[in-house]
Amino acid sequence: MRALRSRRYRRQAATRLDAWDAERREQIAELRTTSAAVVVATHDRQLLRDPADRPRPEVGTPPTPGG
């Protein structure tokens, strides 16, 4: 019985991770297509790395001259 519960738990966990990963990929795709300013606040380091090709001003950084 314990082994069955363990397998069921792993299968459910894998399903949740797959759904979460698909949602994250969708969010990144939308982020790449928008021209709007976007704030990403997360503990997920992969989510912070994925949109690395977008400009990334840091909070407290002075604006660039002429821009």
PDB file of N, CA and C in Angstrom:
ATOM      1  N   MET A   1       0.828  -1.196   0.000  1.00  0.00           N
ATOM      2  CA  MET A   1       0.000   0.000   0.000  1.00  0.00           C
ATOM      3  C   MET A   1       0.869   1.255   0.000  1.00  0.00           C
ATOM      4  N   ARG A   2       1.936   1.255   0.775  1.00  0.00           N
ATOM      5  CA  ARG A   2       2.818   2.411   0.846  1.00  0.00           C
ATOM      6  C   ARG A   2       3.472   2.677  -0.508  1.00  0.00           C
ATOM      7  N   ALA A   3       3.904   1.613  -1.185  1.00  0.00           N
ATOM      8  CA  ALA A   3       4.528   1.771  -2.503  1.00  0.00           C
ATOM      9  C   ALA A   3       3.532   2.339  -3.510  1.00  0.00           C
ATOM     10  N   LEU A   4       2.293   1.925  -3.431  1.00  0.00           N
ATOM     11  CA  LEU A   4       1.261   2.428  -4.332  1.00  0.00           C
ATOM     12  C   LEU A   4       1.044   3.920  -4.096  1.00  0.00           C
ATOM     13  N   ARG A   5       0.966   4.320  -2.832  1.00  0.00           N
ATOM     14  CA  ARG A   5       0.804   5.737  -2.522  1.00  0.00           C
ATOM     15  C   ARG A   5       1.993   6.537  -3.012  1.00  0.00           C
ATOM     16  N   SER A   6       3.177   5.980  -2.854  1.00  0.00           N
ATOM     17  CA  SER A   6       4.391   6.663  -3.273  1.00  0.00           C
ATOM     18  C   SER A   6       4.397   6.867  -4.787  1.00  0.00           C
ATOM     19  N   ARG A   7       4.023   5.839  -5.548  1.00  0.00           N
ATOM     20  CA  ARG A   7       3.961   5.959  -7.011  1.00  0.00           C
ATOM     21  C   ARG A   7       2.906   6.974  -7.428  1.00  0.00           C
ATOM     22  N   ARG A   8       1.757   6.924  -6.763  1.00  0.00           N
ATOM     23  CA  ARG A   8       0.690   7.862  -7.068  1.00  0.00           C
ATOM     24  C   ARG A   8       1.140   9.294  -6.779  1.00  0.00           C
ATOM     25  N   TYR A   9       1.813   9.494  -5.656  1.00  0.00           N
ATOM     26  CA  TYR A   9       2.311  10.820  -5.304  1.00  0.00           C
ATOM     27  C   TYR A   9       3.310  11.319  -6.348  1.00  0.00           C
ATOM     28  N   ARG A  10       4.236  10.458  -6.774  1.00  0.00           N
ATOM     29  CA  ARG A  10       5.225  10.866  -7.780  1.00  0.00           C
ATOM     30  C   ARG A  10       4.550  11.214  -9.096  1.00  0.00           C
ATOM     31  N   ARG A  11       3.549  10.458  -9.487  1.00  0.00           N
ATOM     32  CA  ARG A  11       2.832  10.720 -10.734  1.00  0.00           C
ATOM     33  C   ARG A  11       2.082  12.054 -10.647  1.00  0.00           C
ATOM     34  N   GLN A  12       1.420  12.306  -9.514  1.00  0.00           N
ATOM     35  CA  GLN A  12       0.708  13.568  -9.337  1.00  0.00           C
ATOM     36  C   GLN A  12       1.681  14.744  -9.304  1.00  0.00           C
ATOM     37  N   ALA A  13       2.807  14.561  -8.630  1.00  0.00           N
ATOM     38  CA  ALA A  13       3.808  15.620  -8.561  1.00  0.00           C
ATOM     39  C   ALA A  13       4.369  15.920  -9.949  1.00  0.00           C
ATOM     40  N   ALA A  14       4.627  14.898 -10.731  1.00  0.00           N
ATOM     41  CA  ALA A  14       5.140  15.082 -12.088  1.00  0.00           C
ATOM     42  C   ALA A  14       4.117  15.811 -12.949  1.00  0.00           C
ATOM     43  N   THR A  15       2.850  15.489 -12.786  1.00  0.00           N
ATOM     44  CA  THR A  15       1.791  16.158 -13.549  1.00  0.00           C
ATOM     45  C   THR A  15       1.729  17.634 -13.180  1.00  0.00           C
ATOM     46  N   ARG A  16       1.838  17.935 -11.880  1.00  0.00           N
ATOM     47  CA  ARG A  16       1.817  19.335 -11.451  1.00  0.00           C
ATOM     48  C   ARG A  16       3.028  20.078 -11.986  1.00  0.00           C
ATOM     49  N   LEU A  17       4.190  19.456 -11.964  1.00  0.00           N
ATOM     50  CA  LEU A  17       5.398  20.102 -12.487  1.00  0.00           C
ATOM     51  C   LEU A  17       5.288  20.355 -13.981  1.00  0.00           C
ATOM     52  N   ASP A  18       4.722  19.416 -14.720  1.00  0.00           N
ATOM     53  CA  ASP A  18       4.530  19.603 -16.160  1.00  0.00           C
ATOM     54  C   ASP A  18       3.601  20.788 -16.425  1.00  0.00           C
ATOM     55  N   ALA A  19       2.524  20.887 -15.665  1.00  0.00           N
ATOM     56  CA  ALA A  19       1.578  21.991 -15.834  1.00  0.00           C
ATOM     57  C   ALA A  19       2.244  23.317 -15.469  1.00  0.00           C
ATOM     58  N   TRP A  20       3.015  23.334 -14.393  1.00  0.00           N
ATOM     59  CA  TRP A  20       3.715  24.544 -13.984  1.00  0.00           C
ATOM     60  C   TRP A  20       4.724  24.959 -15.052  1.00  0.00           C
ATOM     61  N   ASP A  21       5.472  24.008 -15.608  1.00  0.00           N
ATOM     62  CA  ASP A  21       6.471  24.314 -16.624  1.00  0.00           C
ATOM     63  C   ASP A  21       5.814  24.866 -17.883  1.00  0.00           C
ATOM     64  N   ALA A  22       4.696  24.307 -18.285  1.00  0.00           N
ATOM     65  CA  ALA A  22       3.978  24.798 -19.461  1.00  0.00           C
ATOM     66  C   ALA A  22       3.490  26.225 -19.220  1.00  0.00           C
ATOM     67  N   GLU A  23       2.996  26.497 -18.023  1.00  0.00           N
ATOM     68  CA  GLU A  23       2.528  27.838 -17.700  1.00  0.00           C
ATOM     69  C   GLU A  23       3.689  28.833 -17.716  1.00  0.00           C
ATOM     70  N   ARG A  24       4.831  28.439 -17.170  1.00  0.00           N
ATOM     71  CA  ARG A  24       6.016  29.312 -17.157  1.00  0.00           C
ATOM     72  C   ARG A  24       6.469  29.612 -18.579  1.00  0.00           C
ATOM     73  N   ARG A  25       6.487  28.605 -19.441  1.00  0.00           N
ATOM     74  CA  ARG A  25       6.882  28.825 -20.837  1.00  0.00           C
ATOM     75  C   ARG A  25       5.933  29.780 -21.538  1.00  0.00           C
ATOM     76  N   GLU A  26       4.651  29.651 -21.249  1.00  0.00           N
ATOM     77  CA  GLU A  26       3.662  30.556 -21.836  1.00  0.00           C
ATOM     78  C   GLU A  26       3.888  31.984 -21.356  1.00  0.00           C
ATOM     79  N   GLN A  27       4.182  32.149 -20.081  1.00  0.00           N
ATOM     80  CA  GLN A  27       4.442  33.480 -19.543  1.00  0.00           C
ATOM     81  C   GLN A  27       5.672  34.102 -20.194  1.00  0.00           C
ATOM     82  N   ILE A  28       6.719  33.329 -20.363  1.00  0.00           N
ATOM     83  CA  ILE A  28       7.941  33.843 -20.987  1.00  0.00           C
ATOM     84  C   ILE A  28       7.675  34.225 -22.441  1.00  0.00           C
ATOM     85  N   ALA A  29       6.911  33.422 -23.154  1.00  0.00           N
ATOM     86  CA  ALA A  29       6.584  33.743 -24.550  1.00  0.00           C
ATOM     87  C   ALA A  29       5.825  35.065 -24.624  1.00  0.00           C
ATOM     88  N   GLU A  30       4.862  35.258 -23.738  1.00  0.00           N
ATOM     89  CA  GLU A  30       4.106  36.510 -23.701  1.00  0.00           C
ATOM     90  C   GLU A  30       5.017  37.679 -23.326  1.00  0.00           C
ATOM     91  N   LEU A  31       5.911  37.463 -22.400  1.00  0.00           N
ATOM     92  CA  LEU A  31       6.841  38.509 -21.978  1.00  0.00           C
ATOM     93  C   LEU A  31       7.724  38.952 -23.144  1.00  0.00           C
ATOM     94  N   ARG A  32       8.147  38.010 -23.954  1.00  0.00           N
ATOM     95  CA  ARG A  32       9.012  38.341 -25.094  1.00  0.00           C
ATOM     96  C   ARG A  32       8.275  39.109 -26.186  1.00  0.00           C
ATOM     97  N   THR A  33       6.961  38.965 -26.283  1.00  0.00           N
ATOM     98  CA  THR A  33       6.227  39.625 -27.366  1.00  0.00           C
ATOM     99  C   THR A  33       5.659  40.980 -26.978  1.00  0.00           C
ATOM    100  N   THR A  34       5.647  41.304 -25.707  1.00  0.00           N
ATOM    101  CA  THR A  34       5.057  42.577 -25.293  1.00  0.00           C
ATOM    102  C   THR A  34       6.078  43.707 -25.395  1.00  0.00           C
ATOM    103  N   SER A  35       5.581  44.892 -25.675  1.00  0.00           N
ATOM    104  CA  SER A  35       6.453  46.065 -25.701  1.00  0.00           C
ATOM    105  C   SER A  35       6.298  46.868 -24.405  1.00  0.00           C
ATOM    106  N   ALA A  36       5.432  46.400 -23.530  1.00  0.00           N
ATOM    107  CA  ALA A  36       5.168  47.087 -22.267  1.00  0.00           C
ATOM    108  C   ALA A  36       6.284  46.822 -21.260  1.00  0.00           C
ATOM    109  N   ALA A  37       6.410  47.717 -20.314  1.00  0.00           N
ATOM    110  CA  ALA A  37       7.329  47.493 -19.202  1.00  0.00           C
ATOM    111  C   ALA A  37       6.738  46.404 -18.315  1.00  0.00           C
ATOM    112  N   VAL A  38       7.581  45.492 -17.870  1.00  0.00           N
ATOM    113  CA  VAL A  38       7.124  44.366 -17.061  1.00  0.00           C
ATOM    114  C   VAL A  38       8.020  44.235 -15.838  1.00  0.00           C
ATOM    115  N   VAL A  39       7.428  44.050 -14.695  1.00  0.00           N
ATOM    116  CA  VAL A  39       8.180  43.803 -13.470  1.00  0.00           C
ATOM    117  C   VAL A  39       8.062  42.326 -13.146  1.00  0.00           C
ATOM    118  N   VAL A  40       9.211  41.660 -12.989  1.00  0.00           N
ATOM    119  CA  VAL A  40       9.222  40.245 -12.628  1.00  0.00           C
ATOM    120  C   VAL A  40       9.794  40.150 -11.221  1.00  0.00           C
ATOM    121  N   ALA A  41       8.964  39.737 -10.292  1.00  0.00           N
ATOM    122  CA  ALA A  41       9.390  39.551  -8.912  1.00  0.00           C
ATOM    123  C   ALA A  41       9.121  38.094  -8.550  1.00  0.00           C
ATOM    124  N   THR A  42      10.171  37.308  -8.448  1.00  0.00           N
ATOM    125  CA  THR A  42      10.004  35.883  -8.179  1.00  0.00           C
ATOM    126  C   THR A  42      11.237  35.329  -7.489  1.00  0.00           C
ATOM    127  N   HIS A  43      11.079  34.206  -6.831  1.00  0.00           N
ATOM    128  CA  HIS A  43      12.212  33.490  -6.258  1.00  0.00           C
ATOM    129  C   HIS A  43      12.752  32.469  -7.251  1.00  0.00           C
ATOM    130  N   ASP A  44      12.059  32.287  -8.370  1.00  0.00           N
ATOM    131  CA  ASP A  44      12.425  31.288  -9.369  1.00  0.00           C
ATOM    132  C   ASP A  44      13.558  31.817 -10.246  1.00  0.00           C
ATOM    133  N   ARG A  45      14.745  31.307 -10.046  1.00  0.00           N
ATOM    134  CA  ARG A  45      15.907  31.796 -10.792  1.00  0.00           C
ATOM    135  C   ARG A  45      15.797  31.522 -12.279  1.00  0.00           C
ATOM    136  N   GLN A  46      15.194  30.413 -12.657  1.00  0.00           N
ATOM    137  CA  GLN A  46      15.029  30.113 -14.080  1.00  0.00           C
ATOM    138  C   GLN A  46      14.105  31.136 -14.733  1.00  0.00           C
ATOM    139  N   LEU A  47      13.066  31.525 -14.040  1.00  0.00           N
ATOM    140  CA  LEU A  47      12.145  32.519 -14.574  1.00  0.00           C
ATOM    141  C   LEU A  47      12.850  33.862 -14.749  1.00  0.00           C
ATOM    142  N   LEU A  48      13.819  34.160 -13.905  1.00  0.00           N
ATOM    143  CA  LEU A  48      14.590  35.390 -14.051  1.00  0.00           C
ATOM    144  C   LEU A  48      15.593  35.298 -15.206  1.00  0.00           C
ATOM    145  N   ARG A  49      16.120  34.096 -15.461  1.00  0.00           N
ATOM    146  CA  ARG A  49      17.090  33.925 -16.546  1.00  0.00           C
ATOM    147  C   ARG A  49      16.433  33.888 -17.914  1.00  0.00           C
ATOM    148  N   ASP A  50      15.244  33.338 -18.022  1.00  0.00           N
ATOM    149  CA  ASP A  50      14.599  33.153 -19.323  1.00  0.00           C
ATOM    150  C   ASP A  50      14.438  34.444 -20.128  1.00  0.00           C
ATOM    151  N   PRO A  51      13.975  35.527 -19.532  1.00  0.00           N
ATOM    152  CA  PRO A  51      13.826  36.750 -20.333  1.00  0.00           C
ATOM    153  C   PRO A  51      15.103  37.597 -20.372  1.00  0.00           C
ATOM    154  N   ALA A  52      16.246  36.980 -20.299  1.00  0.00           N
ATOM    155  CA  ALA A  52      17.516  37.709 -20.213  1.00  0.00           C
ATOM    156  C   ALA A  52      17.798  38.560 -21.439  1.00  0.00           C
ATOM    157  N   ASP A  53      17.143  38.289 -22.561  1.00  0.00           N
ATOM    158  CA  ASP A  53      17.392  39.071 -23.766  1.00  0.00           C
ATOM    159  C   ASP A  53      16.660  40.421 -23.755  1.00  0.00           C
ATOM    160  N   ARG A  54      15.807  40.644 -22.783  1.00  0.00           N
ATOM    161  CA  ARG A  54      15.125  41.937 -22.656  1.00  0.00           C
ATOM    162  C   ARG A  54      15.981  42.894 -21.841  1.00  0.00           C
ATOM    163  N   PRO A  55      15.863  44.203 -22.084  1.00  0.00           N
ATOM    164  CA  PRO A  55      16.595  45.172 -21.251  1.00  0.00           C
ATOM    165  C   PRO A  55      16.202  45.004 -19.788  1.00  0.00           C
ATOM    166  N   ARG A  56      17.163  45.154 -18.903  1.00  0.00           N
ATOM    167  CA  ARG A  56      16.893  44.907 -17.486  1.00  0.00           C
ATOM    168  C   ARG A  56      17.470  46.009 -16.609  1.00  0.00           C
ATOM    169  N   PRO A  57      16.764  47.124 -16.493  1.00  0.00           N
ATOM    170  CA  PRO A  57      17.247  48.166 -15.586  1.00  0.00           C
ATOM    171  C   PRO A  57      17.052  47.720 -14.136  1.00  0.00           C
ATOM    172  N   GLU A  58      17.974  48.027 -13.307  1.00  0.00           N
ATOM    173  CA  GLU A  58      17.889  47.666 -11.897  1.00  0.00           C
ATOM    174  C   GLU A  58      17.203  48.782 -11.119  1.00  0.00           C
ATOM    175  N   VAL A  59      16.515  48.440 -10.063  1.00  0.00           N
ATOM    176  CA  VAL A  59      15.861  49.424  -9.215  1.00  0.00           C
ATOM    177  C   VAL A  59      16.938  50.301  -8.584  1.00  0.00           C
ATOM    178  N   GLY A  60      16.732  51.595  -8.648  1.00  0.00           N
ATOM    179  CA  GLY A  60      17.695  52.536  -8.070  1.00  0.00           C
ATOM    180  C   GLY A  60      18.774  52.940  -9.050  1.00  0.00           C
ATOM    181  N   THR A  61      18.776  52.399 -10.247  1.00  0.00           N
ATOM    182  CA  THR A  61      19.751  52.792 -11.251  1.00  0.00           C
ATOM    183  C   THR A  61      19.305  54.109 -11.880  1.00  0.00           C
ATOM    184  N   PRO A  62      20.213  55.086 -11.953  1.00  0.00           N
ATOM    185  CA  PRO A  62      19.800  56.344 -12.563  1.00  0.00           C
ATOM    186  C   PRO A  62      19.510  56.172 -14.046  1.00  0.00           C
ATOM    187  N   PRO A  63      18.584  56.952 -14.579  1.00  0.00           N
ATOM    188  CA  PRO A  63      18.257  56.832 -16.002  1.00  0.00           C
ATOM    189  C   PRO A  63      19.440  57.229 -16.872  1.00  0.00           C
ATOM    190  N   THR A  64      19.504  56.665 -18.053  1.00  0.00           N
ATOM    191  CA  THR A  64      20.583  57.010 -18.976  1.00  0.00           C
ATOM    192  C   THR A  64      20.292  58.364 -19.604  1.00  0.00           C
ATOM    193  N   PRO A  65      21.324  59.166 -19.856  1.00  0.00           N
ATOM    194  CA  PRO A  65      21.102  60.477 -20.466  1.00  0.00           C
ATOM    195  C   PRO A  65      20.431  60.355 -21.832  1.00  0.00           C
ATOM    196  N   GLY A  66      19.462  61.191 -22.089  1.00  0.00           N
ATOM    197  CA  GLY A  66      18.770  61.214 -23.361  1.00  0.00           C
ATOM    198  C   GLY A  66      17.755  60.091 -23.531  1.00  0.00           C
ATOM    199  N   GLY A  67      17.535  59.301 -22.510  1.00  0.00           N
ATOM    200  CA  GLY A  67      16.622  58.196 -22.717  1.00  0.00           C
ATOM    201  C   GLY A  67      15.635  58.066 -21.652  1.00  0.00           C
TER     202      GLY A  67
END
